Amino acid sequence: MSYTGIYTQIKRNNRKSIMLLIAFPTLILALLFAIILILNYDQQYQQFQWQQIEQYFYQSAPVAIVITAVWFFIAYFAHASIINSAAHSETLSRKENMTVYNLTENLCMQMGMPMPKLRIIEDNALNAFASGLNEKSYTVTLTRGIINKLERDELEGVIAHELMHIRNRDVRLLVISVVFVGIFSLLVQVAFRSFLYGGMRSGGRRNNGGVAVILILVVIAYFISLMFRFALSRRREYMADAGAADLTKKPRALASALRKISGNSHLSNLDSEDVKEMFIDNYPDNKDEGLGFLGGMDRWFATHPPIEKRIEVLEKF
């Protein structure tokens, strides 16, 4: 793949990423309309009550938008503390880690961007991630393992990769997708409990049947939102790799770093799937692990592309 080809692909991926983010609120409104449609079906006359459906949708849509906005408001201010707590990260000392600070400062000067905060996870795994929603909260977090085990040029490539996520606003886009998926996850729980307990209390097959259909629709919407989110993440990794290679002029150094990271990126004390998705590598160590009982379909839900493919692209840069 040529230099021009990579950046043509970056522009194409950026347009597709914007389309994916537009799809999230569209999916929420489509789900809302489908639920109203089901609840306003007249079984006696076997027809939809379109006048009521239209009225209820126009009344409910602003409420759904407000609830979503409130959800974002909470996520915006709690984002940094939630991530740092889940990752068990601490502030990286400048005095004891001058190499990391010098590399980051030099790269930021080249990019013309403010210096992000630097944090560390005391774990021997080789991994790193970027986070934050604005200049005050932008952060690059590195594990102790990746600092100690990579050569200077390799570490520079990793830091450049994370800075690209910040410059490209990937971290902001990722938070948006996480918030939307969280909304659908909550809706699944509400619908399931309504189906399980509401139908039991009413004892009516008719009532429970409608709730069952709603539950199925919510679950389908949830899985669609997951596929949107994971596809967004996979595209962004290729973009950050290409940007880092162009910035450092050392694509093979980043490729070498990815080789060392592959199979050694699993953190022992991290359970949050949302935080794992931010890391430079979040692909199964064992190639067969990613298959599971769904076979190749599990690849639709991978948050990162295979690291071998990323290395292949970098080596052709």
C-alpha atoms as a PDB file:
ATOM      1  CA  MET A   1       0.000   0.000   0.000  1.00  0.00           C
ATOM      2  CA  SER A   2       1.484   3.328  -1.054  1.00  0.00           C
ATOM      3  CA  TYR A   3       1.785   6.541   0.947  1.00  0.00           C
ATOM      4  CA  THR A   4      -1.010   8.169  -1.053  1.00  0.00           C
ATOM      5  CA  GLY A   5      -3.186   5.082  -0.713  1.00  0.00           C
ATOM      6  CA  ILE A   6      -2.977   5.111   3.047  1.00  0.00           C
ATOM      7  CA  TYR A   7      -4.084   8.710   3.345  1.00  0.00           C
ATOM      8  CA  THR A   8      -6.841   8.228   0.811  1.00  0.00           C
ATOM      9  CA  GLN A   9      -8.013   5.391   3.032  1.00  0.00           C
ATOM     10  CA  ILE A  10      -7.756   7.622   6.107  1.00  0.00           C
ATOM     11  CA  LYS A  11     -10.087  10.196   4.529  1.00  0.00           C
ATOM     12  CA  ARG A  12     -12.484   7.454   3.480  1.00  0.00           C
ATOM     13  CA  ASN A  13     -12.474   5.966   6.986  1.00  0.00           C
ATOM     14  CA  ASN A  14     -13.062   9.383   8.529  1.00  0.00           C
ATOM     15  CA  ARG A  15     -16.186   9.891   6.416  1.00  0.00           C
ATOM     16  CA  LYS A  16     -17.424   6.417   7.307  1.00  0.00           C
ATOM     17  CA  SER A  17     -16.765   7.063  11.006  1.00  0.00           C
ATOM     18  CA  ILE A  18     -18.911  10.195  10.903  1.00  0.00           C
ATOM     19  CA  MET A  19     -21.668   8.174   9.228  1.00  0.00           C
ATOM     20  CA  LEU A  20     -21.458   5.568  11.994  1.00  0.00           C
ATOM     21  CA  LEU A  21     -21.875   8.222  14.690  1.00  0.00           C
ATOM     22  CA  ILE A  22     -24.881   9.671  12.886  1.00  0.00           C
ATOM     23  CA  ALA A  23     -26.333   6.172  12.874  1.00  0.00           C
ATOM     24  CA  PHE A  24     -26.427   5.993  16.702  1.00  0.00           C
ATOM     25  CA  PRO A  25     -29.089   8.685  17.331  1.00  0.00           C
ATOM     26  CA  THR A  26     -30.924   7.501  14.221  1.00  0.00           C
ATOM     27  CA  LEU A  27     -31.047   4.033  15.748  1.00  0.00           C
ATOM     28  CA  ILE A  28     -32.398   5.441  19.018  1.00  0.00           C
ATOM     29  CA  LEU A  29     -35.210   7.284  17.238  1.00  0.00           C
ATOM     30  CA  ALA A  30     -35.964   4.261  15.040  1.00  0.00           C
ATOM     31  CA  LEU A  31     -36.227   2.063  18.134  1.00  0.00           C
ATOM     32  CA  LEU A  32     -38.493   4.613  19.825  1.00  0.00           C
ATOM     33  CA  PHE A  33     -40.767   4.686  16.782  1.00  0.00           C
ATOM     34  CA  ALA A  34     -40.884   0.863  16.631  1.00  0.00           C
ATOM     35  CA  ILE A  35     -41.878   0.631  20.305  1.00  0.00           C
ATOM     36  CA  ILE A  36     -44.640   3.229  19.868  1.00  0.00           C
ATOM     37  CA  LEU A  37     -45.802   1.353  16.778  1.00  0.00           C
ATOM     38  CA  ILE A  38     -46.154  -1.906  18.707  1.00  0.00           C
ATOM     39  CA  LEU A  39     -47.886  -0.300  21.663  1.00  0.00           C
ATOM     40  CA  ASN A  40     -50.470   1.314  19.379  1.00  0.00           C
ATOM     41  CA  TYR A  41     -51.535  -1.708  17.391  1.00  0.00           C
ATOM     42  CA  ASP A  42     -55.263  -2.331  17.644  1.00  0.00           C
ATOM     43  CA  GLN A  43     -55.617  -6.102  17.826  1.00  0.00           C
ATOM     44  CA  GLN A  44     -59.396  -5.960  17.624  1.00  0.00           C
ATOM     45  CA  TYR A  45     -59.372  -4.269  14.195  1.00  0.00           C
ATOM     46  CA  GLN A  46     -55.865  -5.541  13.305  1.00  0.00           C
ATOM     47  CA  GLN A  47     -54.531  -2.164  12.291  1.00  0.00           C
ATOM     48  CA  PHE A  48     -52.157   0.513  13.524  1.00  0.00           C
ATOM     49  CA  GLN A  49     -53.549   3.680  15.080  1.00  0.00           C
ATOM     50  CA  TRP A  50     -51.449   6.026  12.964  1.00  0.00           C
ATOM     51  CA  GLN A  51     -52.776   9.281  14.401  1.00  0.00           C
ATOM     52  CA  GLN A  52     -51.828   8.252  17.938  1.00  0.00           C
ATOM     53  CA  ILE A  53     -48.509   6.841  16.754  1.00  0.00           C
ATOM     54  CA  GLU A  54     -47.545  10.142  15.152  1.00  0.00           C
ATOM     55  CA  GLN A  55     -48.667  12.121  18.192  1.00  0.00           C
ATOM     56  CA  TYR A  56     -46.831   9.942  20.699  1.00  0.00           C
ATOM     57  CA  PHE A  57     -43.638   9.922  18.595  1.00  0.00           C
ATOM     58  CA  TYR A  58     -43.479  13.718  18.325  1.00  0.00           C
ATOM     59  CA  GLN A  59     -44.086  13.961  22.073  1.00  0.00           C
ATOM     60  CA  SER A  60     -41.548  11.271  23.010  1.00  0.00           C
ATOM     61  CA  ALA A  61     -38.702  12.146  20.629  1.00  0.00           C
ATOM     62  CA  PRO A  62     -37.723  15.388  22.467  1.00  0.00           C
ATOM     63  CA  VAL A  63     -37.795  13.513  25.793  1.00  0.00           C
ATOM     64  CA  ALA A  64     -35.480  10.834  24.376  1.00  0.00           C
ATOM     65  CA  ILE A  65     -33.123  13.519  23.079  1.00  0.00           C
ATOM     66  CA  VAL A  66     -33.060  15.283  26.470  1.00  0.00           C
ATOM     67  CA  ILE A  67     -32.359  12.026  28.322  1.00  0.00           C
ATOM     68  CA  THR A  68     -29.512  11.273  25.909  1.00  0.00           C
ATOM     69  CA  ALA A  69     -28.114  14.781  26.400  1.00  0.00           C
ATOM     70  CA  VAL A  70     -28.173  14.366  30.192  1.00  0.00           C
ATOM     71  CA  TRP A  71     -26.406  11.018  29.818  1.00  0.00           C
ATOM     72  CA  PHE A  72     -23.676  12.734  27.780  1.00  0.00           C
ATOM     73  CA  PHE A  73     -23.417  15.556  30.309  1.00  0.00           C
ATOM     74  CA  ILE A  74     -22.710  13.078  33.110  1.00  0.00           C
ATOM     75  CA  ALA A  75     -20.244  11.091  30.981  1.00  0.00           C
ATOM     76  CA  TYR A  76     -18.432  14.300  29.967  1.00  0.00           C
ATOM     77  CA  PHE A  77     -17.556  15.328  33.517  1.00  0.00           C
ATOM     78  CA  ALA A  78     -17.031  11.842  34.976  1.00  0.00           C
ATOM     79  CA  HIS A  79     -15.059  10.465  32.032  1.00  0.00           C
ATOM     80  CA  ALA A  80     -11.485  11.011  33.272  1.00  0.00           C
ATOM     81  CA  SER A  81     -12.005   9.834  36.848  1.00  0.00           C
ATOM     82  CA  ILE A  82     -13.902   6.720  35.745  1.00  0.00           C
ATOM     83  CA  ILE A  83     -11.174   5.697  33.280  1.00  0.00           C
ATOM     84  CA  ASN A  84      -8.282   6.366  35.663  1.00  0.00           C
ATOM     85  CA  SER A  85     -10.000   4.412  38.401  1.00  0.00           C
ATOM     86  CA  ALA A  86     -10.831   1.458  36.143  1.00  0.00           C
ATOM     87  CA  ALA A  87      -7.281   1.349  34.729  1.00  0.00           C
ATOM     88  CA  HIS A  88      -5.656   1.753  38.182  1.00  0.00           C
ATOM     89  CA  SER A  89      -3.352   4.399  36.717  1.00  0.00           C
ATOM     90  CA  GLU A  90      -1.205   6.977  38.506  1.00  0.00           C
ATOM     91  CA  THR A  91       0.518  10.205  37.456  1.00  0.00           C
ATOM     92  CA  LEU A  92       3.808   9.473  35.674  1.00  0.00           C
ATOM     93  CA  SER A  93       6.730  11.131  37.457  1.00  0.00           C
ATOM     94  CA  ARG A  94       8.757  13.412  35.175  1.00  0.00           C
ATOM     95  CA  LYS A  95      11.931  13.040  37.270  1.00  0.00           C
ATOM     96  CA  GLU A  96      11.958   9.242  36.989  1.00  0.00           C
ATOM     97  CA  ASN A  97      10.699   9.052  33.391  1.00  0.00           C
ATOM     98  CA  MET A  98      12.488  11.818  31.480  1.00  0.00           C
ATOM     99  CA  THR A  99      12.682   9.751  28.285  1.00  0.00           C
ATOM    100  CA  VAL A 100       8.891   9.446  28.081  1.00  0.00           C
ATOM    101  CA  TYR A 101       8.394  13.147  28.782  1.00  0.00           C
ATOM    102  CA  ASN A 102      11.046  14.202  26.247  1.00  0.00           C
ATOM    103  CA  LEU A 103       9.603  11.987  23.517  1.00  0.00           C
ATOM    104  CA  THR A 104       6.079  13.236  24.174  1.00  0.00           C
ATOM    105  CA  GLU A 105       7.070  16.904  24.293  1.00  0.00           C
ATOM    106  CA  ASN A 106       9.068  16.654  21.050  1.00  0.00           C
ATOM    107  CA  LEU A 107       6.192  14.934  19.244  1.00  0.00           C
ATOM    108  CA  CYS A 108       3.693  17.488  20.538  1.00  0.00           C
ATOM    109  CA  MET A 109       5.886  20.339  19.287  1.00  0.00           C
ATOM    110  CA  GLN A 110       6.044  18.695  15.850  1.00  0.00           C
ATOM    111  CA  MET A 111       2.255  18.382  15.815  1.00  0.00           C
ATOM    112  CA  GLY A 112       1.646  21.838  17.263  1.00  0.00           C
ATOM    113  CA  MET A 113      -0.556  20.478  20.029  1.00  0.00           C
ATOM    114  CA  PRO A 114      -0.540  20.991  23.823  1.00  0.00           C
ATOM    115  CA  MET A 115       1.223  18.417  25.978  1.00  0.00           C
ATOM    116  CA  PRO A 116      -1.253  15.875  27.365  1.00  0.00           C
ATOM    117  CA  LYS A 117      -1.052  14.491  30.882  1.00  0.00           C
ATOM    118  CA  LEU A 118       1.026  11.344  31.290  1.00  0.00           C
ATOM    119  CA  ARG A 119      -0.045   8.446  33.507  1.00  0.00           C
ATOM    120  CA  ILE A 120       1.286   4.972  34.222  1.00  0.00           C
ATOM    121  CA  ILE A 121      -0.186   1.573  35.020  1.00  0.00           C
ATOM    122  CA  GLU A 122       2.143  -0.501  37.181  1.00  0.00           C
ATOM    123  CA  ASP A 123       1.840  -3.690  35.140  1.00  0.00           C
ATOM    124  CA  ASN A 124       4.446  -5.635  33.149  1.00  0.00           C
ATOM    125  CA  ALA A 125       2.072  -5.976  30.177  1.00  0.00           C
ATOM    126  CA  LEU A 126       2.923  -3.991  27.037  1.00  0.00           C
ATOM    127  CA  ASN A 127       0.064  -1.607  26.299  1.00  0.00           C
ATOM    128  CA  ALA A 128      -0.961   2.051  26.154  1.00  0.00           C
ATOM    129  CA  PHE A 129      -4.001   4.209  25.515  1.00  0.00           C
ATOM    130  CA  ALA A 130      -5.148   7.802  25.092  1.00  0.00           C
ATOM    131  CA  SER A 131      -8.202   9.349  26.751  1.00  0.00           C
ATOM    132  CA  GLY A 132      -9.896  12.669  27.377  1.00  0.00           C
ATOM    133  CA  LEU A 133     -12.510  14.969  25.880  1.00  0.00           C
ATOM    134  CA  ASN A 134     -10.692  18.320  25.789  1.00  0.00           C
ATOM    135  CA  GLU A 135      -7.222  19.839  26.169  1.00  0.00           C
ATOM    136  CA  LYS A 136      -7.508  19.897  29.961  1.00  0.00           C
ATOM    137  CA  SER A 137      -8.294  16.182  30.210  1.00  0.00           C
ATOM    138  CA  TYR A 138      -6.278  14.671  27.325  1.00  0.00           C
ATOM    139  CA  THR A 139      -4.079  11.919  28.739  1.00  0.00           C
ATOM    140  CA  VAL A 140      -1.659   9.300  27.453  1.00  0.00           C
ATOM    141  CA  THR A 141      -1.372   6.287  29.747  1.00  0.00           C
ATOM    142  CA  LEU A 142       1.459   3.744  29.440  1.00  0.00           C
ATOM    143  CA  THR A 143       2.132   0.503  31.256  1.00  0.00           C
ATOM    144  CA  ARG A 144       5.385  -0.018  33.125  1.00  0.00           C
ATOM    145  CA  GLY A 145       6.115  -2.935  30.816  1.00  0.00           C
ATOM    146  CA  ILE A 146       5.915  -0.919  27.609  1.00  0.00           C
ATOM    147  CA  ILE A 147       8.199   1.785  29.034  1.00  0.00           C
ATOM    148  CA  ASN A 148      10.842  -0.700  30.180  1.00  0.00           C
ATOM    149  CA  LYS A 149      10.801  -3.196  27.313  1.00  0.00           C
ATOM    150  CA  LEU A 150      10.619  -1.076  24.165  1.00  0.00           C
ATOM    151  CA  GLU A 151      13.543   0.622  22.445  1.00  0.00           C
ATOM    152  CA  ARG A 152      13.468   4.418  22.228  1.00  0.00           C
ATOM    153  CA  ASP A 153      12.265   4.524  18.594  1.00  0.00           C
ATOM    154  CA  GLU A 154       9.601   1.900  19.301  1.00  0.00           C
ATOM    155  CA  LEU A 155       8.332   3.788  22.340  1.00  0.00           C
ATOM    156  CA  GLU A 156       8.270   6.980  20.280  1.00  0.00           C
ATOM    157  CA  GLY A 157       6.068   5.218  17.717  1.00  0.00           C
ATOM    158  CA  VAL A 158       3.635   4.066  20.409  1.00  0.00           C
ATOM    159  CA  ILE A 159       3.384   7.535  21.951  1.00  0.00           C
ATOM    160  CA  ALA A 160       2.883   9.047  18.488  1.00  0.00           C
ATOM    161  CA  HIS A 161       0.081   6.544  17.860  1.00  0.00           C
ATOM    162  CA  GLU A 162      -1.699   7.663  21.025  1.00  0.00           C
ATOM    163  CA  LEU A 163      -1.179  11.343  20.240  1.00  0.00           C
ATOM    164  CA  MET A 164      -2.794  10.710  16.855  1.00  0.00           C
ATOM    165  CA  HIS A 165      -5.874   9.377  18.629  1.00  0.00           C
ATOM    166  CA  ILE A 166      -6.029  12.703  20.486  1.00  0.00           C
ATOM    167  CA  ARG A 167      -5.360  14.858  17.428  1.00  0.00           C
ATOM    168  CA  ASN A 168      -7.916  12.970  15.336  1.00  0.00           C
ATOM    169  CA  ARG A 169     -10.470  13.268  18.166  1.00  0.00           C
ATOM    170  CA  ASP A 170     -10.714   9.473  18.282  1.00  0.00           C
ATOM    171  CA  VAL A 171     -10.957   9.500  22.068  1.00  0.00           C
ATOM    172  CA  ARG A 172     -13.928  11.860  21.914  1.00  0.00           C
ATOM    173  CA  LEU A 173     -15.656   9.747  19.268  1.00  0.00           C
ATOM    174  CA  LEU A 174     -15.043   6.613  21.302  1.00  0.00           C
ATOM    175  CA  VAL A 175     -16.696   8.138  24.377  1.00  0.00           C
ATOM    176  CA  ILE A 176     -19.719   9.030  22.256  1.00  0.00           C
ATOM    177  CA  SER A 177     -20.034   5.459  21.029  1.00  0.00           C
ATOM    178  CA  VAL A 178     -19.561   4.058  24.545  1.00  0.00           C
ATOM    179  CA  VAL A 179     -22.325   6.315  25.862  1.00  0.00           C
ATOM    180  CA  PHE A 180     -24.765   5.249  23.146  1.00  0.00           C
ATOM    181  CA  VAL A 181     -24.042   1.561  23.654  1.00  0.00           C
ATOM    182  CA  GLY A 182     -24.568   2.121  27.371  1.00  0.00           C
ATOM    183  CA  ILE A 183     -28.019   3.551  26.644  1.00  0.00           C
ATOM    184  CA  PHE A 184     -28.990   0.476  24.623  1.00  0.00           C
ATOM    185  CA  SER A 185     -27.568  -1.796  27.314  1.00  0.00           C
ATOM    186  CA  LEU A 186     -29.784  -0.086  29.902  1.00  0.00           C
ATOM    187  CA  LEU A 187     -32.815  -0.395  27.604  1.00  0.00           C
ATOM    188  CA  VAL A 188     -32.189  -4.137  27.260  1.00  0.00           C
ATOM    189  CA  GLN A 189     -32.199  -4.512  31.050  1.00  0.00           C
ATOM    190  CA  VAL A 190     -35.392  -2.474  31.426  1.00  0.00           C
ATOM    191  CA  ALA A 191     -37.166  -4.385  28.640  1.00  0.00           C
ATOM    192  CA  PHE A 192     -36.075  -7.751  30.034  1.00  0.00           C
ATOM    193  CA  ARG A 193     -37.315  -6.929  33.525  1.00  0.00           C
ATOM    194  CA  SER A 194     -40.608  -5.655  32.112  1.00  0.00           C
ATOM    195  CA  PHE A 195     -41.001  -8.893  30.187  1.00  0.00           C
ATOM    196  CA  LEU A 196     -40.031 -11.073  33.138  1.00  0.00           C
ATOM    197  CA  TYR A 197     -41.918  -9.371  35.961  1.00  0.00           C
ATOM    198  CA  GLY A 198     -44.580  -7.298  34.217  1.00  0.00           C
ATOM    199  CA  GLY A 199     -46.019 -10.265  32.379  1.00  0.00           C
ATOM    200  CA  MET A 200     -45.970 -12.433  35.499  1.00  0.00           C
ATOM    201  CA  ARG A 201     -47.897  -9.858  37.495  1.00  0.00           C
ATOM    202  CA  SER A 202     -50.468  -9.229  34.794  1.00  0.00           C
ATOM    203  CA  GLY A 203     -50.783 -12.885  33.921  1.00  0.00           C
ATOM    204  CA  GLY A 204     -51.861 -11.869  30.434  1.00  0.00           C
ATOM    205  CA  ARG A 205     -50.410 -13.500  27.334  1.00  0.00           C
ATOM    206  CA  ARG A 206     -51.541 -10.544  25.225  1.00  0.00           C
ATOM    207  CA  ASN A 207     -49.652  -7.996  27.327  1.00  0.00           C
ATOM    208  CA  ASN A 208     -46.564 -10.148  27.649  1.00  0.00           C
ATOM    209  CA  GLY A 209     -46.492 -10.770  23.904  1.00  0.00           C
ATOM    210  CA  GLY A 210     -46.142  -7.069  23.161  1.00  0.00           C
ATOM    211  CA  VAL A 211     -43.358  -6.671  25.715  1.00  0.00           C
ATOM    212  CA  ALA A 212     -41.600  -9.707  24.208  1.00  0.00           C
ATOM    213  CA  VAL A 213     -41.568  -8.070  20.767  1.00  0.00           C
ATOM    214  CA  ILE A 214     -40.188  -4.855  22.302  1.00  0.00           C
ATOM    215  CA  LEU A 215     -37.489  -6.852  24.087  1.00  0.00           C
ATOM    216  CA  ILE A 216     -36.456  -8.487  20.812  1.00  0.00           C
ATOM    217  CA  LEU A 217     -36.276  -5.094  19.069  1.00  0.00           C
ATOM    218  CA  VAL A 218     -34.181  -3.583  21.873  1.00  0.00           C
ATOM    219  CA  VAL A 219     -31.760  -6.527  21.805  1.00  0.00           C
ATOM    220  CA  ILE A 220     -31.397  -6.214  18.025  1.00  0.00           C
ATOM    221  CA  ALA A 221     -30.746  -2.463  18.355  1.00  0.00           C
ATOM    222  CA  TYR A 222     -28.172  -3.169  21.094  1.00  0.00           C
ATOM    223  CA  PHE A 223     -26.210  -5.583  18.905  1.00  0.00           C
ATOM    224  CA  ILE A 224     -26.371  -3.205  15.945  1.00  0.00           C
ATOM    225  CA  SER A 225     -24.955  -0.435  18.164  1.00  0.00           C
ATOM    226  CA  LEU A 226     -22.146  -2.777  19.258  1.00  0.00           C
ATOM    227  CA  MET A 227     -21.196  -3.469  15.644  1.00  0.00           C
ATOM    228  CA  PHE A 228     -21.187   0.272  14.910  1.00  0.00           C
ATOM    229  CA  ARG A 229     -18.950   0.900  17.899  1.00  0.00           C
ATOM    230  CA  PHE A 230     -16.460  -1.861  17.152  1.00  0.00           C
ATOM    231  CA  ALA A 231     -16.215  -0.960  13.464  1.00  0.00           C
ATOM    232  CA  LEU A 232     -15.463   2.628  14.473  1.00  0.00           C
ATOM    233  CA  SER A 233     -12.643   1.486  16.749  1.00  0.00           C
ATOM    234  CA  ARG A 234     -11.049  -0.791  14.127  1.00  0.00           C
ATOM    235  CA  ARG A 235     -10.898   1.960  11.510  1.00  0.00           C
ATOM    236  CA  ARG A 236      -9.400   4.420  13.977  1.00  0.00           C
ATOM    237  CA  GLU A 237      -6.464   2.098  14.771  1.00  0.00           C
ATOM    238  CA  TYR A 238      -5.331   2.056  11.144  1.00  0.00           C
ATOM    239  CA  MET A 239      -5.589   5.846  11.022  1.00  0.00           C
ATOM    240  CA  ALA A 240      -3.513   6.290  14.180  1.00  0.00           C
ATOM    241  CA  ASP A 241      -0.843   3.849  12.917  1.00  0.00           C
ATOM    242  CA  ALA A 242      -0.527   5.710   9.616  1.00  0.00           C
ATOM    243  CA  GLY A 243      -0.412   9.106  11.322  1.00  0.00           C
ATOM    244  CA  ALA A 244       2.272   7.955  13.769  1.00  0.00           C
ATOM    245  CA  ALA A 245       4.385   6.521  10.942  1.00  0.00           C
ATOM    246  CA  ASP A 246       4.174   9.799   9.039  1.00  0.00           C
ATOM    247  CA  LEU A 247       4.985  11.877  12.129  1.00  0.00           C
ATOM    248  CA  THR A 248       8.041   9.901  13.256  1.00  0.00           C
ATOM    249  CA  LYS A 249       9.162   8.866   9.746  1.00  0.00           C
ATOM    250  CA  LYS A 250       9.862   5.464  11.322  1.00  0.00           C
ATOM    251  CA  PRO A 251       7.012   3.122  10.350  1.00  0.00           C
ATOM    252  CA  ARG A 252       9.147   0.036  10.935  1.00  0.00           C
ATOM    253  CA  ALA A 253       9.862   1.123  14.510  1.00  0.00           C
ATOM    254  CA  LEU A 254       6.113   1.138  15.250  1.00  0.00           C
ATOM    255  CA  ALA A 255       5.758  -2.180  13.439  1.00  0.00           C
ATOM    256  CA  SER A 256       8.531  -3.589  15.648  1.00  0.00           C
ATOM    257  CA  ALA A 257       6.768  -2.235  18.750  1.00  0.00           C
ATOM    258  CA  LEU A 258       3.516  -3.914  17.700  1.00  0.00           C
ATOM    259  CA  ARG A 259       5.354  -7.229  17.291  1.00  0.00           C
ATOM    260  CA  LYS A 260       6.601  -6.993  20.877  1.00  0.00           C
ATOM    261  CA  ILE A 261       3.168  -5.915  22.122  1.00  0.00           C
ATOM    262  CA  SER A 262       1.401  -8.805  20.364  1.00  0.00           C
ATOM    263  CA  GLY A 263       0.759 -11.600  22.851  1.00  0.00           C
ATOM    264  CA  ASN A 264       2.070  -9.501  25.758  1.00  0.00           C
ATOM    265  CA  SER A 265      -0.644  -6.850  26.092  1.00  0.00           C
ATOM    266  CA  HIS A 266      -3.018  -8.468  28.596  1.00  0.00           C
ATOM    267  CA  LEU A 267      -3.250  -6.535  31.889  1.00  0.00           C
ATOM    268  CA  SER A 268      -3.800  -8.665  34.958  1.00  0.00           C
ATOM    269  CA  ASN A 269      -5.981  -6.196  36.867  1.00  0.00           C
ATOM    270  CA  LEU A 270      -8.298  -4.685  34.272  1.00  0.00           C
ATOM    271  CA  ASP A 271     -11.892  -5.826  33.745  1.00  0.00           C
ATOM    272  CA  SER A 272     -13.486  -2.816  32.028  1.00  0.00           C
ATOM    273  CA  GLU A 273     -14.232  -3.626  28.372  1.00  0.00           C
ATOM    274  CA  ASP A 274     -14.699   0.085  27.647  1.00  0.00           C
ATOM    275  CA  VAL A 275     -11.152   0.883  28.822  1.00  0.00           C
ATOM    276  CA  LYS A 276      -9.697  -2.146  27.006  1.00  0.00           C
ATOM    277  CA  GLU A 277     -11.133  -0.801  23.776  1.00  0.00           C
ATOM    278  CA  MET A 278      -8.942   2.310  24.131  1.00  0.00           C
ATOM    279  CA  PHE A 279      -5.663   0.379  24.282  1.00  0.00           C
ATOM    280  CA  ILE A 280      -3.252   0.131  21.370  1.00  0.00           C
ATOM    281  CA  ASP A 281      -3.878  -3.625  21.354  1.00  0.00           C
ATOM    282  CA  ASN A 282      -7.049  -5.393  22.394  1.00  0.00           C
ATOM    283  CA  TYR A 283      -7.007  -8.461  20.179  1.00  0.00           C
ATOM    284  CA  PRO A 284      -7.078 -12.058  21.530  1.00  0.00           C
ATOM    285  CA  ASP A 285      -3.584 -13.382  22.226  1.00  0.00           C
ATOM    286  CA  ASN A 286      -4.546 -16.734  20.751  1.00  0.00           C
ATOM    287  CA  LYS A 287      -5.833 -16.536  17.188  1.00  0.00           C
ATOM    288  CA  ASP A 288      -8.357 -19.238  17.959  1.00  0.00           C
ATOM    289  CA  GLU A 289      -9.709 -17.364  20.984  1.00  0.00           C
ATOM    290  CA  GLY A 290     -11.419 -14.815  18.781  1.00  0.00           C
ATOM    291  CA  LEU A 291     -13.534 -17.458  17.067  1.00  0.00           C
ATOM    292  CA  GLY A 292     -15.600 -18.896  19.899  1.00  0.00           C
ATOM    293  CA  PHE A 293     -18.898 -20.652  19.312  1.00  0.00           C
ATOM    294  CA  LEU A 294     -19.897 -18.098  16.666  1.00  0.00           C
ATOM    295  CA  GLY A 295     -16.925 -18.960  14.501  1.00  0.00           C
ATOM    296  CA  GLY A 296     -15.772 -16.126  12.219  1.00  0.00           C
ATOM    297  CA  MET A 297     -18.785 -14.021  13.226  1.00  0.00           C
ATOM    298  CA  ASP A 298     -16.941 -13.036  16.413  1.00  0.00           C
ATOM    299  CA  ARG A 299     -14.634 -10.888  14.275  1.00  0.00           C
ATOM    300  CA  TRP A 300     -17.547  -8.502  13.758  1.00  0.00           C
ATOM    301  CA  PHE A 301     -17.307  -7.700  17.467  1.00  0.00           C
ATOM    302  CA  ALA A 302     -13.502  -7.274  17.661  1.00  0.00           C
ATOM    303  CA  THR A 303     -12.521  -3.797  18.858  1.00  0.00           C
ATOM    304  CA  HIS A 304      -9.167  -3.851  17.023  1.00  0.00           C
ATOM    305  CA  PRO A 305      -7.964  -5.211  13.678  1.00  0.00           C
ATOM    306  CA  PRO A 306      -5.502  -8.140  13.819  1.00  0.00           C
ATOM    307  CA  ILE A 307      -2.113  -6.791  14.793  1.00  0.00           C
ATOM    308  CA  GLU A 308      -0.490  -8.765  11.949  1.00  0.00           C
ATOM    309  CA  LYS A 309      -2.479  -6.742   9.408  1.00  0.00           C
ATOM    310  CA  ARG A 310      -1.462  -3.484  11.061  1.00  0.00           C
ATOM    311  CA  ILE A 311       2.209  -4.524  10.891  1.00  0.00           C
ATOM    312  CA  GLU A 312       1.814  -5.483   7.234  1.00  0.00           C
ATOM    313  CA  VAL A 313       0.424  -2.033   6.374  1.00  0.00           C
ATOM    314  CA  LEU A 314       3.206  -0.248   8.287  1.00  0.00           C
ATOM    315  CA  GLU A 315       5.926  -2.230   6.539  1.00  0.00           C
ATOM    316  CA  LYS A 316       4.537  -1.122   3.153  1.00  0.00           C
ATOM    317  CA  PHE A 317       4.352   2.530   4.227  1.00  0.00           C
END
